[in-house]
Amino acid sequence: MSFVKEFSLHSNWVNDAFKYAEKNNVIIIAAAGNEAENLNLVSTRFPNDMLNNGEEITDNFISVGSISNSLNKKILSYFSNYGNNYVDLFAPGNDIYTALPNNKHNFNGGTSLASAITSGVAALLYSYYPNLTASQVKHILMDSGLEYTIEVSTPTKEDKNKTTPFNQLSKSGKVLNAYNALIMADSISSRN
């Protein structure tokens, strides 16, 4: 899914749809949003798979933030939302050469592109290992990523110079890695 809202008129309906998807072994991959916000500190963004108490309602939902193409203090895309309560992992989403309307192409960026890339890796896993469950694919994507401890800028109103280790900006602390995901999927699939 490639949208983020500050409210949901019927979040219970959306939660029911997430549960239905989980029951039918469907993975849901959503963009974390492009407001450059720490989602741990702001009101909830939708869609998400969290109840008010912070408990996940399903195990098939992944929220994806965006990284840049810099492996330094600017690894976090300048626009990407983050937060280790809401964002599951990060994927490339900055300066991605992509299709545009009217048969055009150009570089673009956003957590929507990061979630599309994550969806592609999930599809790759399913194509090779169709016996995997949505929950297994979610955890493979989160657990097989690369972890970086680079200090990144996470300014707040109180501290404009605040930095945080990158691996503390999401639940997994990791960046999507297709190769590692395939290796882990092969290992898990052979045990099933």
N, C-alpha and C. Protein backbone atom coordinates (compact mmCIF):
# COMPACT_ATOMS: atom_id res chain seq x y z
N MET A 1 0.84 -1.17 0.00
CA MET A 1 0.00 0.00 0.00
C MET A 1 0.89 1.23 0.00
N SER A 2 0.43 2.23 -0.70
CA SER A 2 1.26 3.39 -0.89
C SER A 2 0.53 4.66 -0.49
N PHE A 3 0.06 4.71 0.72
CA PHE A 3 -0.59 5.92 1.22
C PHE A 3 -0.46 5.95 2.73
N VAL A 4 -0.45 7.15 3.27
CA VAL A 4 -0.39 7.33 4.72
C VAL A 4 -1.34 8.46 5.07
N LYS A 5 -2.16 8.24 6.09
CA LYS A 5 -3.12 9.25 6.54
C LYS A 5 -2.96 9.47 8.03
N GLU A 6 -3.40 10.63 8.49
CA GLU A 6 -3.35 10.94 9.92
C GLU A 6 -4.56 10.40 10.66
N PHE A 7 -5.58 9.96 9.94
CA PHE A 7 -6.77 9.44 10.60
C PHE A 7 -7.37 8.33 9.76
N SER A 8 -8.21 7.54 10.37
CA SER A 8 -8.94 6.50 9.66
C SER A 8 -10.36 6.52 10.18
N LEU A 9 -11.31 6.77 9.29
CA LEU A 9 -12.71 6.83 9.72
C LEU A 9 -13.17 5.53 10.34
N HIS A 10 -12.72 4.43 9.79
CA HIS A 10 -13.15 3.12 10.27
C HIS A 10 -11.94 2.20 10.38
N SER A 11 -11.04 2.52 11.30
CA SER A 11 -9.83 1.71 11.44
C SER A 11 -10.16 0.27 11.79
N ASN A 12 -11.30 0.05 12.45
CA ASN A 12 -11.70 -1.33 12.77
C ASN A 12 -11.99 -2.12 11.49
N TRP A 13 -12.51 -1.48 10.46
CA TRP A 13 -12.74 -2.16 9.19
C TRP A 13 -11.40 -2.54 8.55
N VAL A 14 -10.46 -1.61 8.60
CA VAL A 14 -9.13 -1.87 8.04
C VAL A 14 -8.46 -3.00 8.82
N ASN A 15 -8.56 -2.96 10.15
CA ASN A 15 -7.99 -4.03 10.98
C ASN A 15 -8.61 -5.38 10.64
N ASP A 16 -9.92 -5.40 10.41
CA ASP A 16 -10.59 -6.64 10.01
C ASP A 16 -10.06 -7.14 8.67
N ALA A 17 -9.80 -6.21 7.75
CA ALA A 17 -9.24 -6.59 6.45
C ALA A 17 -7.83 -7.16 6.61
N PHE A 18 -7.03 -6.57 7.52
CA PHE A 18 -5.69 -7.10 7.78
C PHE A 18 -5.78 -8.52 8.34
N LYS A 19 -6.72 -8.73 9.25
CA LYS A 19 -6.88 -10.07 9.84
C LYS A 19 -7.34 -11.07 8.78
N TYR A 20 -8.24 -10.64 7.90
CA TYR A 20 -8.71 -11.51 6.81
C TYR A 20 -7.53 -11.86 5.89
N ALA A 21 -6.70 -10.86 5.58
CA ALA A 21 -5.53 -11.11 4.74
C ALA A 21 -4.59 -12.10 5.41
N GLU A 22 -4.37 -11.93 6.71
CA GLU A 22 -3.48 -12.85 7.43
C GLU A 22 -4.04 -14.26 7.41
N LYS A 23 -5.35 -14.38 7.62
CA LYS A 23 -6.00 -15.70 7.61
C LYS A 23 -5.84 -16.39 6.25
N ASN A 24 -5.73 -15.58 5.19
CA ASN A 24 -5.60 -16.11 3.84
C ASN A 24 -4.17 -16.03 3.32
N ASN A 25 -3.21 -15.90 4.24
CA ASN A 25 -1.78 -15.94 3.93
C ASN A 25 -1.34 -14.86 2.95
N VAL A 26 -1.84 -13.65 3.15
CA VAL A 26 -1.49 -12.51 2.31
C VAL A 26 -0.63 -11.55 3.12
N ILE A 27 0.49 -11.16 2.55
CA ILE A 27 1.35 -10.18 3.22
C ILE A 27 0.93 -8.78 2.79
N ILE A 28 0.99 -7.83 3.71
CA ILE A 28 0.65 -6.44 3.43
C ILE A 28 1.91 -5.61 3.67
N ILE A 29 2.33 -4.89 2.64
CA ILE A 29 3.52 -4.06 2.74
C ILE A 29 3.11 -2.61 2.48
N ALA A 30 3.38 -1.74 3.46
CA ALA A 30 2.90 -0.37 3.41
C ALA A 30 4.04 0.63 3.55
N ALA A 31 3.88 1.76 2.89
CA ALA A 31 4.83 2.87 3.02
C ALA A 31 4.68 3.51 4.39
N ALA A 32 5.80 3.88 5.01
CA ALA A 32 5.78 4.49 6.34
C ALA A 32 5.42 5.97 6.30
N GLY A 33 5.55 6.60 5.15
CA GLY A 33 5.20 8.02 5.02
C GLY A 33 6.41 8.90 4.82
N ASN A 34 6.15 10.08 4.26
CA ASN A 34 7.21 10.99 3.82
C ASN A 34 7.19 12.33 4.55
N GLU A 35 6.88 12.33 5.83
CA GLU A 35 6.82 13.58 6.59
C GLU A 35 8.08 13.82 7.43
N ALA A 36 9.08 12.95 7.33
CA ALA A 36 10.32 13.05 8.12
C ALA A 36 10.02 13.11 9.61
N GLU A 37 9.06 12.30 10.06
CA GLU A 37 8.64 12.32 11.46
C GLU A 37 9.03 11.04 12.18
N ASN A 38 9.30 11.19 13.46
CA ASN A 38 9.46 10.04 14.34
C ASN A 38 8.05 9.61 14.73
N LEU A 39 7.59 8.52 14.17
CA LEU A 39 6.22 8.07 14.41
C LEU A 39 5.98 7.67 15.86
N ASN A 40 7.04 7.46 16.62
CA ASN A 40 6.88 7.16 18.05
C ASN A 40 6.38 8.39 18.81
N LEU A 41 6.59 9.59 18.24
CA LEU A 41 6.28 10.83 18.95
C LEU A 41 5.03 11.54 18.45
N VAL A 42 4.48 11.11 17.34
CA VAL A 42 3.31 11.79 16.78
C VAL A 42 2.08 10.91 16.92
N SER A 43 0.94 11.51 16.65
CA SER A 43 -0.27 10.70 16.68
C SER A 43 -0.16 9.62 15.62
N THR A 44 -0.90 8.58 15.78
CA THR A 44 -0.81 7.41 14.91
C THR A 44 -1.04 7.77 13.45
N ARG A 45 -0.31 7.12 12.57
CA ARG A 45 -0.53 7.22 11.12
C ARG A 45 -1.20 5.93 10.67
N PHE A 46 -2.04 6.04 9.66
CA PHE A 46 -2.75 4.89 9.13
C PHE A 46 -2.35 4.69 7.68
N PRO A 47 -2.30 3.49 7.16
CA PRO A 47 -2.64 2.26 7.86
C PRO A 47 -1.49 1.79 8.76
N ASN A 48 -1.83 1.07 9.79
CA ASN A 48 -0.85 0.39 10.62
C ASN A 48 -1.52 -0.81 11.26
N ASP A 49 -0.72 -1.66 11.85
CA ASP A 49 -1.25 -2.90 12.43
C ASP A 49 -1.18 -2.89 13.95
N MET A 50 -1.24 -1.68 14.52
CA MET A 50 -1.09 -1.55 15.96
C MET A 50 -2.40 -1.17 16.63
N LEU A 51 -2.63 -1.76 17.79
CA LEU A 51 -3.71 -1.31 18.66
C LEU A 51 -3.20 -0.14 19.50
N ASN A 52 -4.08 0.52 20.20
CA ASN A 52 -3.69 1.67 21.02
C ASN A 52 -2.63 1.32 22.06
N ASN A 53 -2.60 0.08 22.50
CA ASN A 53 -1.62 -0.32 23.51
C ASN A 53 -0.27 -0.71 22.90
N GLY A 54 -0.13 -0.57 21.58
CA GLY A 54 1.13 -0.88 20.91
C GLY A 54 1.27 -2.32 20.46
N GLU A 55 0.26 -3.12 20.69
CA GLU A 55 0.31 -4.53 20.30
C GLU A 55 -0.06 -4.69 18.83
N GLU A 56 0.72 -5.50 18.10
CA GLU A 56 0.39 -5.78 16.70
C GLU A 56 -0.83 -6.68 16.64
N ILE A 57 -1.76 -6.37 15.73
CA ILE A 57 -2.97 -7.18 15.61
C ILE A 57 -2.79 -8.34 14.64
N THR A 58 -1.79 -8.24 13.77
CA THR A 58 -1.51 -9.32 12.82
C THR A 58 0.00 -9.50 12.69
N ASP A 59 0.39 -10.56 12.04
CA ASP A 59 1.82 -10.82 11.83
C ASP A 59 2.12 -10.92 10.33
N ASN A 60 1.37 -10.13 9.54
CA ASN A 60 1.55 -10.15 8.09
C ASN A 60 1.73 -8.75 7.51
N PHE A 61 1.90 -7.74 8.37
CA PHE A 61 1.96 -6.34 7.96
C PHE A 61 3.38 -5.81 8.15
N ILE A 62 3.91 -5.16 7.11
CA ILE A 62 5.25 -4.56 7.18
C ILE A 62 5.14 -3.09 6.79
N SER A 63 5.64 -2.21 7.64
CA SER A 63 5.74 -0.78 7.36
C SER A 63 7.19 -0.49 6.98
N VAL A 64 7.38 0.18 5.82
CA VAL A 64 8.72 0.35 5.26
C VAL A 64 9.10 1.83 5.17
N GLY A 65 10.26 2.15 5.74
CA GLY A 65 10.85 3.47 5.60
C GLY A 65 11.85 3.47 4.46
N SER A 66 12.38 4.65 4.15
CA SER A 66 13.27 4.81 2.99
C SER A 66 14.69 5.18 3.41
N ILE A 67 15.65 4.56 2.71
CA ILE A 67 17.04 4.97 2.86
C ILE A 67 17.50 5.64 1.57
N SER A 68 18.56 6.42 1.70
CA SER A 68 19.18 7.07 0.55
C SER A 68 20.24 6.13 -0.03
N ASN A 69 21.00 6.66 -0.97
CA ASN A 69 22.09 5.86 -1.54
C ASN A 69 23.44 6.20 -0.88
N SER A 70 23.40 6.81 0.29
CA SER A 70 24.62 7.18 1.03
C SER A 70 24.78 6.30 2.25
N LEU A 71 25.94 5.69 2.38
CA LEU A 71 26.21 4.86 3.55
C LEU A 71 27.01 5.70 4.55
N ASN A 72 26.33 6.74 5.04
CA ASN A 72 26.93 7.65 6.02
C ASN A 72 25.80 8.24 6.85
N LYS A 73 26.04 9.36 7.52
CA LYS A 73 25.03 9.94 8.40
C LYS A 73 23.76 10.34 7.65
N LYS A 74 23.79 10.32 6.32
CA LYS A 74 22.61 10.66 5.52
C LYS A 74 21.93 9.41 4.95
N ILE A 75 22.15 8.25 5.57
CA ILE A 75 21.54 7.01 5.09
C ILE A 75 20.01 7.07 5.15
N LEU A 76 19.47 7.71 6.18
CA LEU A 76 18.02 7.87 6.28
C LEU A 76 17.60 8.92 5.26
N SER A 77 16.67 8.57 4.36
CA SER A 77 16.18 9.55 3.39
C SER A 77 15.63 10.75 4.14
N TYR A 78 15.93 11.94 3.64
CA TYR A 78 15.55 13.18 4.33
C TYR A 78 14.05 13.29 4.58
N PHE A 79 13.25 12.57 3.82
CA PHE A 79 11.79 12.67 3.92
C PHE A 79 11.15 11.53 4.71
N SER A 80 11.88 10.47 4.95
CA SER A 80 11.27 9.23 5.48
C SER A 80 10.84 9.34 6.93
N ASN A 81 9.64 8.84 7.21
CA ASN A 81 9.23 8.64 8.59
C ASN A 81 10.04 7.49 9.17
N TYR A 82 10.14 7.45 10.49
CA TYR A 82 10.88 6.41 11.19
C TYR A 82 10.27 6.22 12.56
N GLY A 83 10.74 5.25 13.29
CA GLY A 83 10.26 5.00 14.64
C GLY A 83 10.19 3.51 14.92
N ASN A 84 10.88 3.08 15.97
CA ASN A 84 10.98 1.64 16.22
C ASN A 84 9.72 1.01 16.80
N ASN A 85 8.66 1.78 16.97
CA ASN A 85 7.37 1.19 17.33
C ASN A 85 6.50 0.94 16.11
N TYR A 86 6.74 1.66 15.02
CA TYR A 86 5.85 1.61 13.86
C TYR A 86 6.50 1.15 12.56
N VAL A 87 7.75 1.50 12.33
CA VAL A 87 8.43 1.14 11.08
C VAL A 87 9.15 -0.19 11.29
N ASP A 88 8.90 -1.15 10.40
CA ASP A 88 9.49 -2.48 10.55
C ASP A 88 10.90 -2.56 10.00
N LEU A 89 11.14 -1.97 8.83
CA LEU A 89 12.46 -2.01 8.21
C LEU A 89 12.57 -0.90 7.20
N PHE A 90 13.75 -0.73 6.66
CA PHE A 90 14.01 0.28 5.64
C PHE A 90 14.44 -0.41 4.34
N ALA A 91 14.20 0.28 3.22
CA ALA A 91 14.61 -0.20 1.91
C ALA A 91 14.98 1.01 1.06
N PRO A 92 15.72 0.80 -0.03
CA PRO A 92 16.04 1.93 -0.90
C PRO A 92 14.77 2.61 -1.40
N GLY A 93 14.75 3.94 -1.31
CA GLY A 93 13.59 4.69 -1.76
C GLY A 93 13.94 6.10 -2.19
N ASN A 94 15.20 6.36 -2.39
CA ASN A 94 15.66 7.69 -2.75
C ASN A 94 16.41 7.61 -4.07
N ASP A 95 16.11 8.51 -4.99
CA ASP A 95 16.76 8.53 -6.30
C ASP A 95 16.61 7.19 -7.02
N ILE A 96 15.38 6.69 -7.07
CA ILE A 96 15.07 5.44 -7.77
C ILE A 96 14.59 5.79 -9.17
N TYR A 97 15.21 5.22 -10.19
CA TYR A 97 14.79 5.45 -11.57
C TYR A 97 13.53 4.64 -11.81
N THR A 98 12.44 5.31 -12.12
CA THR A 98 11.15 4.64 -12.17
C THR A 98 10.28 5.16 -13.31
N ALA A 99 9.24 4.42 -13.59
CA ALA A 99 8.29 4.79 -14.65
C ALA A 99 7.39 5.92 -14.17
N LEU A 100 7.05 6.80 -15.11
CA LEU A 100 6.14 7.92 -14.87
C LEU A 100 5.03 7.88 -15.91
N PRO A 101 3.99 8.65 -15.73
CA PRO A 101 2.92 8.68 -16.74
C PRO A 101 3.44 9.11 -18.11
N ASN A 102 2.69 8.79 -19.14
CA ASN A 102 2.98 9.17 -20.52
C ASN A 102 4.30 8.59 -21.04
N ASN A 103 4.57 7.33 -20.65
CA ASN A 103 5.74 6.61 -21.14
C ASN A 103 7.05 7.33 -20.85
N LYS A 104 7.12 7.96 -19.70
CA LYS A 104 8.33 8.68 -19.28
C LYS A 104 8.99 7.96 -18.11
N HIS A 105 10.25 8.29 -17.87
CA HIS A 105 11.02 7.74 -16.75
C HIS A 105 11.85 8.85 -16.14
N ASN A 106 12.08 8.74 -14.83
CA ASN A 106 12.91 9.72 -14.16
C ASN A 106 13.25 9.21 -12.77
N PHE A 107 14.14 9.92 -12.09
CA PHE A 107 14.47 9.58 -10.72
C PHE A 107 13.39 10.13 -9.80
N ASN A 108 13.00 9.34 -8.83
CA ASN A 108 11.95 9.73 -7.90
C ASN A 108 12.30 9.17 -6.53
N GLY A 109 11.57 9.58 -5.53
CA GLY A 109 11.84 9.07 -4.19
C GLY A 109 10.59 9.06 -3.34
N GLY A 110 10.61 8.22 -2.33
CA GLY A 110 9.51 8.15 -1.38
C GLY A 110 9.43 6.78 -0.74
N THR A 111 8.75 6.72 0.38
CA THR A 111 8.58 5.42 1.04
C THR A 111 7.69 4.50 0.21
N SER A 112 6.92 5.08 -0.71
CA SER A 112 6.14 4.24 -1.63
C SER A 112 7.06 3.41 -2.51
N LEU A 113 8.16 4.00 -2.95
CA LEU A 113 9.12 3.24 -3.75
C LEU A 113 9.84 2.21 -2.90
N ALA A 114 10.16 2.56 -1.65
CA ALA A 114 10.79 1.60 -0.75
C ALA A 114 9.87 0.41 -0.49
N SER A 115 8.57 0.68 -0.34
CA SER A 115 7.64 -0.43 -0.11
C SER A 115 7.45 -1.26 -1.37
N ALA A 116 7.53 -0.62 -2.55
CA ALA A 116 7.44 -1.38 -3.80
C ALA A 116 8.64 -2.31 -3.97
N ILE A 117 9.83 -1.83 -3.62
CA ILE A 117 11.02 -2.67 -3.69
C ILE A 117 10.90 -3.83 -2.70
N THR A 118 10.40 -3.55 -1.51
CA THR A 118 10.20 -4.60 -0.51
C THR A 118 9.18 -5.62 -1.02
N SER A 119 8.13 -5.15 -1.67
CA SER A 119 7.13 -6.06 -2.25
C SER A 119 7.76 -6.95 -3.31
N GLY A 120 8.68 -6.39 -4.09
CA GLY A 120 9.37 -7.19 -5.10
C GLY A 120 10.20 -8.30 -4.49
N VAL A 121 10.88 -8.01 -3.39
CA VAL A 121 11.67 -9.05 -2.73
C VAL A 121 10.75 -10.10 -2.12
N ALA A 122 9.63 -9.67 -1.55
CA ALA A 122 8.65 -10.63 -1.02
C ALA A 122 8.14 -11.54 -2.14
N ALA A 123 7.85 -10.95 -3.31
CA ALA A 123 7.39 -11.74 -4.45
C ALA A 123 8.47 -12.73 -4.91
N LEU A 124 9.72 -12.30 -4.87
CA LEU A 124 10.83 -13.19 -5.22
C LEU A 124 10.88 -14.38 -4.27
N LEU A 125 10.72 -14.13 -2.98
CA LEU A 125 10.71 -15.23 -2.00
C LEU A 125 9.56 -16.19 -2.28
N TYR A 126 8.37 -15.64 -2.52
CA TYR A 126 7.21 -16.50 -2.80
C TYR A 126 7.40 -17.30 -4.09
N SER A 127 8.07 -16.71 -5.09
CA SER A 127 8.24 -17.42 -6.36
C SER A 127 9.16 -18.63 -6.20
N TYR A 128 10.15 -18.53 -5.36
CA TYR A 128 11.06 -19.65 -5.11
C TYR A 128 10.58 -20.59 -4.01
N TYR A 129 9.88 -20.03 -3.04
CA TYR A 129 9.47 -20.81 -1.86
C TYR A 129 7.99 -20.57 -1.58
N PRO A 130 7.10 -21.11 -2.43
CA PRO A 130 5.66 -20.84 -2.29
C PRO A 130 5.04 -21.41 -1.02
N ASN A 131 5.76 -22.27 -0.32
CA ASN A 131 5.22 -22.86 0.91
C ASN A 131 5.38 -21.93 2.12
N LEU A 132 6.10 -20.82 1.97
CA LEU A 132 6.28 -19.90 3.09
C LEU A 132 4.97 -19.19 3.43
N THR A 133 4.76 -18.93 4.71
CA THR A 133 3.58 -18.17 5.13
C THR A 133 3.90 -16.68 5.07
N ALA A 134 2.85 -15.86 5.11
CA ALA A 134 3.04 -14.41 5.12
C ALA A 134 3.87 -13.99 6.34
N SER A 135 3.61 -14.60 7.47
CA SER A 135 4.37 -14.30 8.69
C SER A 135 5.84 -14.66 8.51
N GLN A 136 6.12 -15.80 7.90
CA GLN A 136 7.51 -16.20 7.68
C GLN A 136 8.21 -15.21 6.76
N VAL A 137 7.52 -14.80 5.69
CA VAL A 137 8.12 -13.85 4.76
C VAL A 137 8.40 -12.53 5.47
N LYS A 138 7.46 -12.06 6.27
CA LYS A 138 7.67 -10.83 7.04
C LYS A 138 8.94 -10.94 7.88
N HIS A 139 9.06 -12.00 8.63
CA HIS A 139 10.20 -12.14 9.54
C HIS A 139 11.51 -12.40 8.79
N ILE A 140 11.44 -13.06 7.65
CA ILE A 140 12.64 -13.23 6.83
C ILE A 140 13.13 -11.87 6.35
N LEU A 141 12.22 -11.05 5.83
CA LEU A 141 12.61 -9.73 5.34
C LEU A 141 13.20 -8.88 6.46
N MET A 142 12.59 -8.95 7.64
CA MET A 142 13.07 -8.14 8.77
C MET A 142 14.37 -8.68 9.36
N ASP A 143 14.50 -9.98 9.46
CA ASP A 143 15.66 -10.58 10.14
C ASP A 143 16.90 -10.70 9.27
N SER A 144 16.72 -10.73 7.95
CA SER A 144 17.85 -10.97 7.05
C SER A 144 18.51 -9.70 6.55
N GLY A 145 18.00 -8.57 6.93
CA GLY A 145 18.54 -7.30 6.45
C GLY A 145 19.93 -6.99 6.98
N LEU A 146 20.46 -5.91 6.50
CA LEU A 146 21.77 -5.42 6.95
C LEU A 146 21.55 -4.39 8.05
N GLU A 147 22.39 -4.46 9.08
CA GLU A 147 22.25 -3.55 10.21
C GLU A 147 23.39 -2.53 10.19
N TYR A 148 23.03 -1.26 10.30
CA TYR A 148 24.00 -0.18 10.34
C TYR A 148 23.82 0.61 11.63
N THR A 149 24.92 0.94 12.28
CA THR A 149 24.85 1.69 13.54
C THR A 149 25.27 3.15 13.35
N ILE A 150 25.28 3.60 12.13
CA ILE A 150 25.66 4.98 11.80
C ILE A 150 24.75 5.95 12.55
N GLU A 151 25.33 6.99 13.16
CA GLU A 151 24.55 8.04 13.81
C GLU A 151 23.91 8.90 12.72
N VAL A 152 22.59 9.06 12.79
CA VAL A 152 21.87 9.88 11.82
C VAL A 152 21.15 11.01 12.54
N SER A 153 20.92 12.07 11.81
CA SER A 153 20.24 13.24 12.37
C SER A 153 18.76 12.94 12.58
N THR A 154 18.29 13.12 13.80
CA THR A 154 16.87 12.95 14.14
C THR A 154 16.44 14.13 15.00
N PRO A 155 16.43 15.34 14.41
CA PRO A 155 16.17 16.54 15.20
C PRO A 155 14.76 16.55 15.81
N THR A 156 14.67 17.13 16.98
CA THR A 156 13.38 17.34 17.64
C THR A 156 13.25 18.84 17.91
N LYS A 157 12.07 19.27 18.34
CA LYS A 157 11.88 20.68 18.68
C LYS A 157 12.81 21.09 19.81
N GLU A 158 13.05 20.15 20.73
CA GLU A 158 13.89 20.44 21.89
C GLU A 158 15.39 20.37 21.57
N ASP A 159 15.77 19.54 20.61
CA ASP A 159 17.19 19.32 20.31
C ASP A 159 17.39 19.19 18.81
N LYS A 160 17.73 20.30 18.18
CA LYS A 160 17.91 20.32 16.72
C LYS A 160 19.11 19.50 16.25
N ASN A 161 20.04 19.19 17.16
CA ASN A 161 21.25 18.46 16.80
C ASN A 161 21.21 16.99 17.22
N LYS A 162 20.05 16.51 17.61
CA LYS A 162 19.93 15.14 18.11
C LYS A 162 20.31 14.13 17.02
N THR A 163 21.05 13.10 17.42
CA THR A 163 21.36 11.99 16.52
C THR A 163 20.95 10.69 17.19
N THR A 164 20.72 9.69 16.35
CA THR A 164 20.30 8.37 16.82
C THR A 164 20.99 7.33 15.95
N PRO A 165 21.46 6.22 16.51
CA PRO A 165 21.99 5.15 15.67
C PRO A 165 20.90 4.64 14.71
N PHE A 166 21.27 4.48 13.45
CA PHE A 166 20.28 4.07 12.44
C PHE A 166 19.54 2.80 12.83
N ASN A 167 20.23 1.85 13.46
CA ASN A 167 19.57 0.58 13.79
C ASN A 167 18.52 0.71 14.89
N GLN A 168 18.34 1.91 15.44
CA GLN A 168 17.30 2.13 16.44
C GLN A 168 16.08 2.84 15.86
N LEU A 169 16.04 3.02 14.54
CA LEU A 169 14.95 3.77 13.91
C LEU A 169 13.82 2.88 13.41
N SER A 170 13.96 1.57 13.53
CA SER A 170 12.89 0.65 13.11
C SER A 170 12.87 -0.55 14.04
N LYS A 171 11.80 -1.32 13.95
CA LYS A 171 11.68 -2.52 14.80
C LYS A 171 12.83 -3.48 14.56
N SER A 172 13.16 -3.72 13.29
CA SER A 172 14.22 -4.67 12.98
C SER A 172 15.60 -4.05 13.11
N GLY A 173 15.68 -2.74 12.93
CA GLY A 173 16.97 -2.07 12.92
C GLY A 173 17.76 -2.34 11.65
N LYS A 174 17.06 -2.78 10.59
CA LYS A 174 17.78 -3.27 9.41
C LYS A 174 17.27 -2.67 8.11
N VAL A 175 18.10 -2.89 7.08
CA VAL A 175 17.80 -2.50 5.71
C VAL A 175 17.59 -3.77 4.89
N LEU A 176 16.54 -3.78 4.09
CA LEU A 176 16.21 -4.91 3.23
C LEU A 176 17.43 -5.40 2.45
N ASN A 177 17.60 -6.73 2.37
CA ASN A 177 18.68 -7.33 1.59
C ASN A 177 18.14 -8.58 0.92
N ALA A 178 17.95 -8.52 -0.41
CA ALA A 178 17.33 -9.63 -1.15
C ALA A 178 18.17 -10.90 -1.07
N TYR A 179 19.47 -10.78 -1.20
CA TYR A 179 20.34 -11.96 -1.17
C TYR A 179 20.22 -12.69 0.16
N ASN A 180 20.37 -11.96 1.25
CA ASN A 180 20.25 -12.59 2.57
C ASN A 180 18.86 -13.17 2.79
N ALA A 181 17.84 -12.50 2.27
CA ALA A 181 16.47 -13.00 2.41
C ALA A 181 16.31 -14.34 1.70
N LEU A 182 16.88 -14.47 0.51
CA LEU A 182 16.80 -15.74 -0.22
C LEU A 182 17.52 -16.86 0.53
N ILE A 183 18.67 -16.56 1.08
CA ILE A 183 19.41 -17.58 1.85
C ILE A 183 18.60 -18.03 3.06
N MET A 184 18.03 -17.06 3.79
CA MET A 184 17.24 -17.40 4.97
C MET A 184 15.98 -18.16 4.57
N ALA A 185 15.33 -17.74 3.49
CA ALA A 185 14.12 -18.43 3.02
C ALA A 185 14.42 -19.87 2.65
N ASP A 186 15.56 -20.10 2.00
CA ASP A 186 15.94 -21.46 1.64
C ASP A 186 16.12 -22.32 2.88
N SER A 187 16.75 -21.76 3.88
CA SER A 187 16.97 -22.49 5.13
C SER A 187 15.65 -22.82 5.83
N ILE A 188 14.77 -21.84 5.91
CA ILE A 188 13.47 -22.05 6.57
C ILE A 188 12.60 -22.99 5.76
N SER A 189 12.60 -22.83 4.44
CA SER A 189 11.77 -23.66 3.58
C SER A 189 12.19 -25.12 3.63
N SER A 190 13.48 -25.38 3.74
CA SER A 190 13.95 -26.76 3.78
C SER A 190 13.59 -27.45 5.09
N ARG A 191 13.29 -26.67 6.13
CA ARG A 191 12.87 -27.24 7.41
C ARG A 191 11.38 -27.57 7.44
N ASN A 192 10.62 -26.96 6.53
CA ASN A 192 9.16 -27.18 6.51
C ASN A 192 8.80 -28.51 5.88
